[in-house]
Amino acid sequence: MVIQGCTWAGPVTQIENWPDLKVVEHWVSWHEMQAVCAKYAPFMATVHACAEFNFKARECHIWITQDRDDLIAYERDNCAGRTKPFWKERLEEIRDRFNKETG
């Protein structure tokens, strides 16, 4: 489960009942980040970072390149269940899947 990085400015929404996840940051080359993040992107989308959720391990892995430190706060927000309105439904789906997996 993943959320792609973006820099859209606007209000941030907290997803209710979001689990506490340990954040693991991977500062990697562009090619390494693409190897992880591109598979989650819509066709022809440009990816600059992503947050990958592992609820069984209670971790959120951020994949980001050294030159995109402007995205780290956004990705940390995603790991904490805070997101922009257009990702709200996606994070709620991810939370619901987590609740089903963990009972």
PDB file of N, CA and C in Angstrom:
ATOM      1  N   MET A   1       0.850  -1.166   0.000  1.00  0.00           N
ATOM      2  CA  MET A   1       0.000   0.000   0.000  1.00  0.00           C
ATOM      3  C   MET A   1       0.893   1.226   0.000  1.00  0.00           C
ATOM      4  N   VAL A   2       0.552   2.178  -0.799  1.00  0.00           N
ATOM      5  CA  VAL A   2       1.452   3.301  -0.985  1.00  0.00           C
ATOM      6  C   VAL A   2       0.698   4.571  -1.296  1.00  0.00           C
ATOM      7  N   ILE A   3       1.318   5.673  -0.949  1.00  0.00           N
ATOM      8  CA  ILE A   3       0.859   7.000  -1.355  1.00  0.00           C
ATOM      9  C   ILE A   3       2.044   7.675  -2.033  1.00  0.00           C
ATOM     10  N   GLN A   4       1.810   8.269  -3.182  1.00  0.00           N
ATOM     11  CA  GLN A   4       2.877   8.951  -3.904  1.00  0.00           C
ATOM     12  C   GLN A   4       3.066  10.352  -3.362  1.00  0.00           C
ATOM     13  N   GLY A   5       4.270  10.859  -3.515  1.00  0.00           N
ATOM     14  CA  GLY A   5       4.588  12.205  -3.073  1.00  0.00           C
ATOM     15  C   GLY A   5       4.029  13.265  -4.000  1.00  0.00           C
ATOM     16  N   CYS A   6       3.600  14.349  -3.431  1.00  0.00           N
ATOM     17  CA  CYS A   6       3.188  15.506  -4.217  1.00  0.00           C
ATOM     18  C   CYS A   6       3.383  16.746  -3.367  1.00  0.00           C
ATOM     19  N   THR A   7       3.301  17.888  -3.991  1.00  0.00           N
ATOM     20  CA  THR A   7       3.566  19.125  -3.251  1.00  0.00           C
ATOM     21  C   THR A   7       2.381  20.071  -3.275  1.00  0.00           C
ATOM     22  N   TRP A   8       1.186  19.595  -3.565  1.00  0.00           N
ATOM     23  CA  TRP A   8       0.013  20.446  -3.633  1.00  0.00           C
ATOM     24  C   TRP A   8      -0.207  21.123  -2.285  1.00  0.00           C
ATOM     25  N   ALA A   9      -0.318  22.427  -2.309  1.00  0.00           N
ATOM     26  CA  ALA A   9      -0.535  23.187  -1.075  1.00  0.00           C
ATOM     27  C   ALA A   9      -2.029  23.268  -0.800  1.00  0.00           C
ATOM     28  N   GLY A  10      -2.401  23.101   0.413  1.00  0.00           N
ATOM     29  CA  GLY A  10      -3.808  23.172   0.775  1.00  0.00           C
ATOM     30  C   GLY A  10      -4.016  22.557   2.143  1.00  0.00           C
ATOM     31  N   PRO A  11      -5.273  22.423   2.534  1.00  0.00           N
ATOM     32  CA  PRO A  11      -5.573  21.891   3.866  1.00  0.00           C
ATOM     33  C   PRO A  11      -5.149  20.437   4.002  1.00  0.00           C
ATOM     34  N   VAL A  12      -4.841  20.064   5.226  1.00  0.00           N
ATOM     35  CA  VAL A  12      -4.468  18.693   5.545  1.00  0.00           C
ATOM     36  C   VAL A  12      -5.544  18.112   6.444  1.00  0.00           C
ATOM     37  N   THR A  13      -5.918  16.873   6.169  1.00  0.00           N
ATOM     38  CA  THR A  13      -6.945  16.177   6.928  1.00  0.00           C
ATOM     39  C   THR A  13      -6.318  15.036   7.713  1.00  0.00           C
ATOM     40  N   GLN A  14      -6.710  14.876   8.974  1.00  0.00           N
ATOM     41  CA  GLN A  14      -6.254  13.740   9.773  1.00  0.00           C
ATOM     42  C   GLN A  14      -7.252  12.601   9.592  1.00  0.00           C
ATOM     43  N   ILE A  15      -6.755  11.431   9.223  1.00  0.00           N
ATOM     44  CA  ILE A  15      -7.597  10.248   9.083  1.00  0.00           C
ATOM     45  C   ILE A  15      -7.872   9.702  10.483  1.00  0.00           C
ATOM     46  N   GLU A  16      -9.146   9.535  10.802  1.00  0.00           N
ATOM     47  CA  GLU A  16      -9.520   9.042  12.130  1.00  0.00           C
ATOM     48  C   GLU A  16      -9.035   7.610  12.323  1.00  0.00           C
ATOM     49  N   ASN A  17      -8.660   7.301  13.554  1.00  0.00           N
ATOM     50  CA  ASN A  17      -8.246   5.949  13.947  1.00  0.00           C
ATOM     51  C   ASN A  17      -7.059   5.431  13.138  1.00  0.00           C
ATOM     52  N   TRP A  18      -6.159   6.315  12.759  1.00  0.00           N
ATOM     53  CA  TRP A  18      -4.963   5.912  12.028  1.00  0.00           C
ATOM     54  C   TRP A  18      -3.993   5.253  13.002  1.00  0.00           C
ATOM     55  N   PRO A  19      -3.422   4.111  12.667  1.00  0.00           N
ATOM     56  CA  PRO A  19      -2.497   3.442  13.598  1.00  0.00           C
ATOM     57  C   PRO A  19      -1.172   4.188  13.722  1.00  0.00           C
ATOM     58  N   ASP A  20      -0.523   4.015  14.857  1.00  0.00           N
ATOM     59  CA  ASP A  20       0.822   4.559  15.037  1.00  0.00           C
ATOM     60  C   ASP A  20       1.793   3.680  14.269  1.00  0.00           C
ATOM     61  N   LEU A  21       2.550   4.297  13.383  1.00  0.00           N
ATOM     62  CA  LEU A  21       3.514   3.565  12.575  1.00  0.00           C
ATOM     63  C   LEU A  21       4.904   4.149  12.768  1.00  0.00           C
ATOM     64  N   LYS A  22       5.888   3.287  12.880  1.00  0.00           N
ATOM     65  CA  LYS A  22       7.279   3.728  12.922  1.00  0.00           C
ATOM     66  C   LYS A  22       7.652   4.188  11.516  1.00  0.00           C
ATOM     67  N   VAL A  23       8.263   5.360  11.408  1.00  0.00           N
ATOM     68  CA  VAL A  23       8.671   5.891  10.105  1.00  0.00           C
ATOM     69  C   VAL A  23      10.119   5.499   9.837  1.00  0.00           C
ATOM     70  N   VAL A  24      10.333   4.888   8.674  1.00  0.00           N
ATOM     71  CA  VAL A  24      11.669   4.509   8.235  1.00  0.00           C
ATOM     72  C   VAL A  24      11.937   5.280   6.944  1.00  0.00           C
ATOM     73  N   GLU A  25      12.938   6.135   6.958  1.00  0.00           N
ATOM     74  CA  GLU A  25      13.247   6.964   5.793  1.00  0.00           C
ATOM     75  C   GLU A  25      14.390   6.356   4.997  1.00  0.00           C
ATOM     76  N   HIS A  26      14.161   6.205   3.699  1.00  0.00           N
ATOM     77  CA  HIS A  26      15.169   5.689   2.785  1.00  0.00           C
ATOM     78  C   HIS A  26      15.557   6.825   1.837  1.00  0.00           C
ATOM     79  N   TRP A  27      16.699   7.443   2.077  1.00  0.00           N
ATOM     80  CA  TRP A  27      17.219   8.506   1.215  1.00  0.00           C
ATOM     81  C   TRP A  27      18.094   7.822   0.184  1.00  0.00           C
ATOM     82  N   VAL A  28      17.571   7.704  -1.033  1.00  0.00           N
ATOM     83  CA  VAL A  28      18.199   6.859  -2.043  1.00  0.00           C
ATOM     84  C   VAL A  28      18.374   7.616  -3.362  1.00  0.00           C
ATOM     85  N   SER A  29      19.015   6.962  -4.305  1.00  0.00           N
ATOM     86  CA  SER A  29      19.156   7.549  -5.642  1.00  0.00           C
ATOM     87  C   SER A  29      17.793   7.572  -6.338  1.00  0.00           C
ATOM     88  N   TRP A  30      17.711   8.350  -7.394  1.00  0.00           N
ATOM     89  CA  TRP A  30      16.474   8.439  -8.172  1.00  0.00           C
ATOM     90  C   TRP A  30      16.079   7.060  -8.686  1.00  0.00           C
ATOM     91  N   HIS A  31      17.039   6.286  -9.167  1.00  0.00           N
ATOM     92  CA  HIS A  31      16.750   4.958  -9.711  1.00  0.00           C
ATOM     93  C   HIS A  31      16.224   4.010  -8.632  1.00  0.00           C
ATOM     94  N   GLU A  32      16.802   4.067  -7.441  1.00  0.00           N
ATOM     95  CA  GLU A  32      16.319   3.221  -6.342  1.00  0.00           C
ATOM     96  C   GLU A  32      14.904   3.609  -5.934  1.00  0.00           C
ATOM     97  N   MET A  33      14.634   4.925  -5.855  1.00  0.00           N
ATOM     98  CA  MET A  33      13.293   5.383  -5.505  1.00  0.00           C
ATOM     99  C   MET A  33      12.292   4.943  -6.569  1.00  0.00           C
ATOM    100  N   GLN A  34      12.642   5.089  -7.838  1.00  0.00           N
ATOM    101  CA  GLN A  34      11.752   4.675  -8.928  1.00  0.00           C
ATOM    102  C   GLN A  34      11.454   3.181  -8.876  1.00  0.00           C
ATOM    103  N   ALA A  35      12.450   2.383  -8.517  1.00  0.00           N
ATOM    104  CA  ALA A  35      12.258   0.935  -8.441  1.00  0.00           C
ATOM    105  C   ALA A  35      11.161   0.567  -7.447  1.00  0.00           C
ATOM    106  N   VAL A  36      11.021   1.349  -6.389  1.00  0.00           N
ATOM    107  CA  VAL A  36       9.985   1.095  -5.385  1.00  0.00           C
ATOM    108  C   VAL A  36       8.686   1.819  -5.746  1.00  0.00           C
ATOM    109  N   CYS A  37       8.773   3.088  -6.058  1.00  0.00           N
ATOM    110  CA  CYS A  37       7.585   3.933  -6.160  1.00  0.00           C
ATOM    111  C   CYS A  37       6.858   3.888  -7.498  1.00  0.00           C
ATOM    112  N   ALA A  38       7.576   3.690  -8.585  1.00  0.00           N
ATOM    113  CA  ALA A  38       6.950   3.783  -9.906  1.00  0.00           C
ATOM    114  C   ALA A  38       5.858   2.741 -10.110  1.00  0.00           C
ATOM    115  N   LYS A  39       5.981   1.582  -9.480  1.00  0.00           N
ATOM    116  CA  LYS A  39       4.980   0.532  -9.665  1.00  0.00           C
ATOM    117  C   LYS A  39       3.612   0.918  -9.108  1.00  0.00           C
ATOM    118  N   TYR A  40       3.582   1.917  -8.239  1.00  0.00           N
ATOM    119  CA  TYR A  40       2.322   2.366  -7.655  1.00  0.00           C
ATOM    120  C   TYR A  40       1.713   3.553  -8.398  1.00  0.00           C
ATOM    121  N   ALA A  41       2.472   4.127  -9.305  1.00  0.00           N
ATOM    122  CA  ALA A  41       2.052   5.366  -9.967  1.00  0.00           C
ATOM    123  C   ALA A  41       1.091   5.079 -11.116  1.00  0.00           C
ATOM    124  N   PRO A  42       0.165   6.002 -11.352  1.00  0.00           N
ATOM    125  CA  PRO A  42      -0.679   5.882 -12.538  1.00  0.00           C
ATOM    126  C   PRO A  42       0.180   5.945 -13.806  1.00  0.00           C
ATOM    127  N   PHE A  43      -0.320   5.401 -14.869  1.00  0.00           N
ATOM    128  CA  PHE A  43       0.388   5.391 -16.142  1.00  0.00           C
ATOM    129  C   PHE A  43       0.833   6.799 -16.509  1.00  0.00           C
ATOM    130  N   MET A  44       2.104   6.942 -16.870  1.00  0.00           N
ATOM    131  CA  MET A  44       2.707   8.193 -17.322  1.00  0.00           C
ATOM    132  C   MET A  44       2.887   9.243 -16.211  1.00  0.00           C
ATOM    133  N   ALA A  45       2.686   8.871 -14.968  1.00  0.00           N
ATOM    134  CA  ALA A  45       2.871   9.818 -13.863  1.00  0.00           C
ATOM    135  C   ALA A  45       4.355   9.914 -13.509  1.00  0.00           C
ATOM    136  N   THR A  46       4.766  11.088 -13.066  1.00  0.00           N
ATOM    137  CA  THR A  46       6.122  11.294 -12.575  1.00  0.00           C
ATOM    138  C   THR A  46       6.107  11.160 -11.063  1.00  0.00           C
ATOM    139  N   VAL A  47       6.982  10.332 -10.546  1.00  0.00           N
ATOM    140  CA  VAL A  47       7.036  10.081  -9.104  1.00  0.00           C
ATOM    141  C   VAL A  47       8.318  10.686  -8.556  1.00  0.00           C
ATOM    142  N   HIS A  48       8.196  11.366  -7.405  1.00  0.00           N
ATOM    143  CA  HIS A  48       9.357  11.979  -6.773  1.00  0.00           C
ATOM    144  C   HIS A  48       9.645  11.391  -5.394  1.00  0.00           C
ATOM    145  N   ALA A  49       8.653  10.712  -4.817  1.00  0.00           N
ATOM    146  CA  ALA A  49       8.790  10.083  -3.505  1.00  0.00           C
ATOM    147  C   ALA A  49       7.523   9.274  -3.264  1.00  0.00           C
ATOM    148  N   CYS A  50       7.569   8.396  -2.269  1.00  0.00           N
ATOM    149  CA  CYS A  50       6.351   7.690  -1.884  1.00  0.00           C
ATOM    150  C   CYS A  50       6.478   7.208  -0.449  1.00  0.00           C
ATOM    151  N   ALA A  51       5.320   6.934   0.137  1.00  0.00           N
ATOM    152  CA  ALA A  51       5.246   6.335   1.465  1.00  0.00           C
ATOM    153  C   ALA A  51       4.618   4.959   1.292  1.00  0.00           C
ATOM    154  N   GLU A  52       5.324   3.945   1.745  1.00  0.00           N
ATOM    155  CA  GLU A  52       4.883   2.556   1.602  1.00  0.00           C
ATOM    156  C   GLU A  52       4.540   2.032   2.992  1.00  0.00           C
ATOM    157  N   PHE A  53       3.307   1.557   3.149  1.00  0.00           N
ATOM    158  CA  PHE A  53       2.817   1.133   4.461  1.00  0.00           C
ATOM    159  C   PHE A  53       2.977  -0.373   4.647  1.00  0.00           C
ATOM    160  N   ASN A  54       3.524  -0.755   5.805  1.00  0.00           N
ATOM    161  CA  ASN A  54       3.600  -2.156   6.197  1.00  0.00           C
ATOM    162  C   ASN A  54       2.953  -2.250   7.571  1.00  0.00           C
ATOM    163  N   PHE A  55       1.651  -2.516   7.563  1.00  0.00           N
ATOM    164  CA  PHE A  55       0.914  -2.494   8.822  1.00  0.00           C
ATOM    165  C   PHE A  55       1.251  -3.671   9.727  1.00  0.00           C
ATOM    166  N   LYS A  56       1.582  -4.804   9.145  1.00  0.00           N
ATOM    167  CA  LYS A  56       1.933  -5.957   9.982  1.00  0.00           C
ATOM    168  C   LYS A  56       3.156  -5.647  10.835  1.00  0.00           C
ATOM    169  N   ALA A  57       4.116  -4.934  10.249  1.00  0.00           N
ATOM    170  CA  ALA A  57       5.322  -4.531  10.985  1.00  0.00           C
ATOM    171  C   ALA A  57       5.116  -3.199  11.703  1.00  0.00           C
ATOM    172  N   ARG A  58       3.962  -2.570  11.470  1.00  0.00           N
ATOM    173  CA  ARG A  58       3.645  -1.249  12.023  1.00  0.00           C
ATOM    174  C   ARG A  58       4.702  -0.224  11.623  1.00  0.00           C
ATOM    175  N   GLU A  59       5.014  -0.237  10.319  1.00  0.00           N
ATOM    176  CA  GLU A  59       6.015   0.675   9.771  1.00  0.00           C
ATOM    177  C   GLU A  59       5.490   1.378   8.534  1.00  0.00           C
ATOM    178  N   CYS A  60       6.039   2.548   8.315  1.00  0.00           N
ATOM    179  CA  CYS A  60       5.786   3.304   7.098  1.00  0.00           C
ATOM    180  C   CYS A  60       7.155   3.661   6.528  1.00  0.00           C
ATOM    181  N   HIS A  61       7.413   3.189   5.319  1.00  0.00           N
ATOM    182  CA  HIS A  61       8.712   3.423   4.676  1.00  0.00           C
ATOM    183  C   HIS A  61       8.579   4.539   3.659  1.00  0.00           C
ATOM    184  N   ILE A  62       9.397   5.554   3.841  1.00  0.00           N
ATOM    185  CA  ILE A  62       9.437   6.675   2.898  1.00  0.00           C
ATOM    186  C   ILE A  62      10.622   6.461   1.974  1.00  0.00           C
ATOM    187  N   TRP A  63      10.344   6.508   0.678  1.00  0.00           N
ATOM    188  CA  TRP A  63      11.381   6.390  -0.355  1.00  0.00           C
ATOM    189  C   TRP A  63      11.490   7.739  -1.018  1.00  0.00           C
ATOM    190  N   ILE A  64      12.664   8.350  -0.899  1.00  0.00           N
ATOM    191  CA  ILE A  64      12.830   9.725  -1.355  1.00  0.00           C
ATOM    192  C   ILE A  64      14.276   9.948  -1.805  1.00  0.00           C
ATOM    193  N   THR A  65      14.455  10.823  -2.757  1.00  0.00           N
ATOM    194  CA  THR A  65      15.805  11.125  -3.244  1.00  0.00           C
ATOM    195  C   THR A  65      16.390  12.309  -2.483  1.00  0.00           C
ATOM    196  N   GLN A  66      17.708  12.359  -2.441  1.00  0.00           N
ATOM    197  CA  GLN A  66      18.410  13.411  -1.701  1.00  0.00           C
ATOM    198  C   GLN A  66      18.024  14.808  -2.162  1.00  0.00           C
ATOM    199  N   ASP A  67      17.699  14.964  -3.420  1.00  0.00           N
ATOM    200  CA  ASP A  67      17.396  16.300  -3.945  1.00  0.00           C
ATOM    201  C   ASP A  67      15.939  16.717  -3.742  1.00  0.00           C
ATOM    202  N   ARG A  68      15.121  15.898  -3.100  1.00  0.00           N
ATOM    203  CA  ARG A  68      13.707  16.236  -2.895  1.00  0.00           C
ATOM    204  C   ARG A  68      13.353  16.332  -1.416  1.00  0.00           C
ATOM    205  N   ASP A  69      14.236  16.949  -0.638  1.00  0.00           N
ATOM    206  CA  ASP A  69      13.936  17.101   0.783  1.00  0.00           C
ATOM    207  C   ASP A  69      12.718  17.975   1.032  1.00  0.00           C
ATOM    208  N   ASP A  70      12.239  18.679  -0.005  1.00  0.00           N
ATOM    209  CA  ASP A  70      11.018  19.472   0.120  1.00  0.00           C
ATOM    210  C   ASP A  70       9.783  18.583   0.286  1.00  0.00           C
ATOM    211  N   LEU A  71       9.893  17.289  -0.010  1.00  0.00           N
ATOM    212  CA  LEU A  71       8.752  16.379   0.093  1.00  0.00           C
ATOM    213  C   LEU A  71       8.699  15.596   1.396  1.00  0.00           C
ATOM    214  N   ILE A  72       9.750  15.653   2.200  1.00  0.00           N
ATOM    215  CA  ILE A  72       9.807  14.784   3.366  1.00  0.00           C
ATOM    216  C   ILE A  72       8.694  15.085   4.376  1.00  0.00           C
ATOM    217  N   ALA A  73       8.363  16.336   4.601  1.00  0.00           N
ATOM    218  CA  ALA A  73       7.288  16.659   5.552  1.00  0.00           C
ATOM    219  C   ALA A  73       5.958  16.096   5.071  1.00  0.00           C
ATOM    220  N   TYR A  74       5.713  16.188   3.775  1.00  0.00           N
ATOM    221  CA  TYR A  74       4.478  15.642   3.201  1.00  0.00           C
ATOM    222  C   TYR A  74       4.414  14.127   3.401  1.00  0.00           C
ATOM    223  N   GLU A  75       5.509  13.437   3.135  1.00  0.00           N
ATOM    224  CA  GLU A  75       5.524  11.985   3.290  1.00  0.00           C
ATOM    225  C   GLU A  75       5.413  11.581   4.759  1.00  0.00           C
ATOM    226  N   ARG A  76       6.037  12.333   5.655  1.00  0.00           N
ATOM    227  CA  ARG A  76       5.887  12.049   7.090  1.00  0.00           C
ATOM    228  C   ARG A  76       4.434  12.224   7.519  1.00  0.00           C
ATOM    229  N   ASP A  77       3.769  13.256   6.966  1.00  0.00           N
ATOM    230  CA  ASP A  77       2.340  13.436   7.252  1.00  0.00           C
ATOM    231  C   ASP A  77       1.546  12.217   6.809  1.00  0.00           C
ATOM    232  N   ASN A  78       1.821  11.704   5.596  1.00  0.00           N
ATOM    233  CA  ASN A  78       1.106  10.521   5.130  1.00  0.00           C
ATOM    234  C   ASN A  78       1.298   9.350   6.077  1.00  0.00           C
ATOM    235  N   CYS A  79       2.519   9.156   6.573  1.00  0.00           N
ATOM    236  CA  CYS A  79       2.787   8.077   7.515  1.00  0.00           C
ATOM    237  C   CYS A  79       1.991   8.229   8.807  1.00  0.00           C
ATOM    238  N   ALA A  80       1.687   9.464   9.165  1.00  0.00           N
ATOM    239  CA  ALA A  80       0.927   9.747  10.385  1.00  0.00           C
ATOM    240  C   ALA A  80      -0.576   9.833  10.130  1.00  0.00           C
ATOM    241  N   GLY A  81      -0.993   9.538   8.886  1.00  0.00           N
ATOM    242  CA  GLY A  81      -2.425   9.582   8.576  1.00  0.00           C
ATOM    243  C   GLY A  81      -2.953  10.969   8.306  1.00  0.00           C
ATOM    244  N   ARG A  82      -2.075  11.891   7.973  1.00  0.00           N
ATOM    245  CA  ARG A  82      -2.490  13.247   7.606  1.00  0.00           C
ATOM    246  C   ARG A  82      -2.264  13.403   6.108  1.00  0.00           C
ATOM    247  N   THR A  83      -3.266  13.912   5.411  1.00  0.00           N
ATOM    248  CA  THR A  83      -3.135  13.976   3.964  1.00  0.00           C
ATOM    249  C   THR A  83      -3.968  15.100   3.377  1.00  0.00           C
ATOM    250  N   LYS A  84      -3.772  15.321   2.096  1.00  0.00           N
ATOM    251  CA  LYS A  84      -4.550  16.305   1.339  1.00  0.00           C
ATOM    252  C   LYS A  84      -5.913  15.700   1.023  1.00  0.00           C
ATOM    253  N   PRO A  85      -6.917  16.538   0.798  1.00  0.00           N
ATOM    254  CA  PRO A  85      -8.274  16.025   0.564  1.00  0.00           C
ATOM    255  C   PRO A  85      -8.361  14.981  -0.550  1.00  0.00           C
ATOM    256  N   PHE A  86      -7.582  15.121  -1.621  1.00  0.00           N
ATOM    257  CA  PHE A  86      -7.719  14.185  -2.729  1.00  0.00           C
ATOM    258  C   PHE A  86      -7.147  12.802  -2.426  1.00  0.00           C
ATOM    259  N   TRP A  87      -6.364  12.633  -1.354  1.00  0.00           N
ATOM    260  CA  TRP A  87      -5.863  11.323  -0.944  1.00  0.00           C
ATOM    261  C   TRP A  87      -6.651  10.749   0.235  1.00  0.00           C
ATOM    262  N   LYS A  88      -7.619  11.505   0.765  1.00  0.00           N
ATOM    263  CA  LYS A  88      -8.340  11.086   1.973  1.00  0.00           C
ATOM    264  C   LYS A  88      -8.975   9.702   1.811  1.00  0.00           C
ATOM    265  N   GLU A  89      -9.705   9.501   0.717  1.00  0.00           N
ATOM    266  CA  GLU A  89     -10.354   8.203   0.519  1.00  0.00           C
ATOM    267  C   GLU A  89      -9.343   7.075   0.439  1.00  0.00           C
ATOM    268  N   ARG A  90      -8.225   7.322  -0.229  1.00  0.00           N
ATOM    269  CA  ARG A  90      -7.201   6.279  -0.366  1.00  0.00           C
ATOM    270  C   ARG A  90      -6.634   5.902   0.993  1.00  0.00           C
ATOM    271  N   LEU A  91      -6.324   6.885   1.838  1.00  0.00           N
ATOM    272  CA  LEU A  91      -5.804   6.570   3.168  1.00  0.00           C
ATOM    273  C   LEU A  91      -6.851   5.883   4.032  1.00  0.00           C
ATOM    274  N   GLU A  92      -8.118   6.252   3.873  1.00  0.00           N
ATOM    275  CA  GLU A  92      -9.181   5.563   4.618  1.00  0.00           C
ATOM    276  C   GLU A  92      -9.277   4.102   4.191  1.00  0.00           C
ATOM    277  N   GLU A  93      -9.130   3.834   2.899  1.00  0.00           N
ATOM    278  CA  GLU A  93      -9.116   2.448   2.411  1.00  0.00           C
ATOM    279  C   GLU A  93      -7.945   1.685   3.006  1.00  0.00           C
ATOM    280  N   ILE A  94      -6.787   2.314   3.058  1.00  0.00           N
ATOM    281  CA  ILE A  94      -5.602   1.679   3.631  1.00  0.00           C
ATOM    282  C   ILE A  94      -5.825   1.395   5.112  1.00  0.00           C
ATOM    283  N   ARG A  95      -6.385   2.359   5.827  1.00  0.00           N
ATOM    284  CA  ARG A  95      -6.683   2.158   7.265  1.00  0.00           C
ATOM    285  C   ARG A  95      -7.664   1.007   7.453  1.00  0.00           C
ATOM    286  N   ASP A  96      -8.705   0.964   6.621  1.00  0.00           N
ATOM    287  CA  ASP A  96      -9.708  -0.097   6.747  1.00  0.00           C
ATOM    288  C   ASP A  96      -9.104  -1.471   6.472  1.00  0.00           C
ATOM    289  N   ARG A  97      -8.206  -1.549   5.490  1.00  0.00           N
ATOM    290  CA  ARG A  97      -7.533  -2.816   5.213  1.00  0.00           C
ATOM    291  C   ARG A  97      -6.697  -3.233   6.419  1.00  0.00           C
ATOM    292  N   PHE A  98      -6.015  -2.270   7.028  1.00  0.00           N
ATOM    293  CA  PHE A  98      -5.229  -2.554   8.225  1.00  0.00           C
ATOM    294  C   PHE A  98      -6.126  -3.113   9.322  1.00  0.00           C
ATOM    295  N   ASN A  99      -7.279  -2.480   9.541  1.00  0.00           N
ATOM    296  CA  ASN A  99      -8.178  -2.943  10.598  1.00  0.00           C
ATOM    297  C   ASN A  99      -8.657  -4.371  10.329  1.00  0.00           C
ATOM    298  N   LYS A 100      -8.914  -4.718   9.078  1.00  0.00           N
ATOM    299  CA  LYS A 100      -9.316  -6.080   8.732  1.00  0.00           C
ATOM    300  C   LYS A 100      -8.183  -7.071   8.971  1.00  0.00           C
ATOM    301  N   GLU A 101      -6.963  -6.659   8.625  1.00  0.00           N
ATOM    302  CA  GLU A 101      -5.810  -7.541   8.777  1.00  0.00           C
ATOM    303  C   GLU A 101      -5.450  -7.798  10.236  1.00  0.00           C
ATOM    304  N   THR A 102      -5.699  -6.810  11.076  1.00  0.00           N
ATOM    305  CA  THR A 102      -5.276  -6.930  12.479  1.00  0.00           C
ATOM    306  C   THR A 102      -6.425  -7.257  13.425  1.00  0.00           C
ATOM    307  N   GLY A 103      -7.648  -7.286  12.892  1.00  0.00           N
ATOM    308  CA  GLY A 103      -8.811  -7.645  13.689  1.00  0.00           C
ATOM    309  C   GLY A 103      -9.181  -6.573  14.606  1.00  0.00           C
TER     310      GLY A 103
END
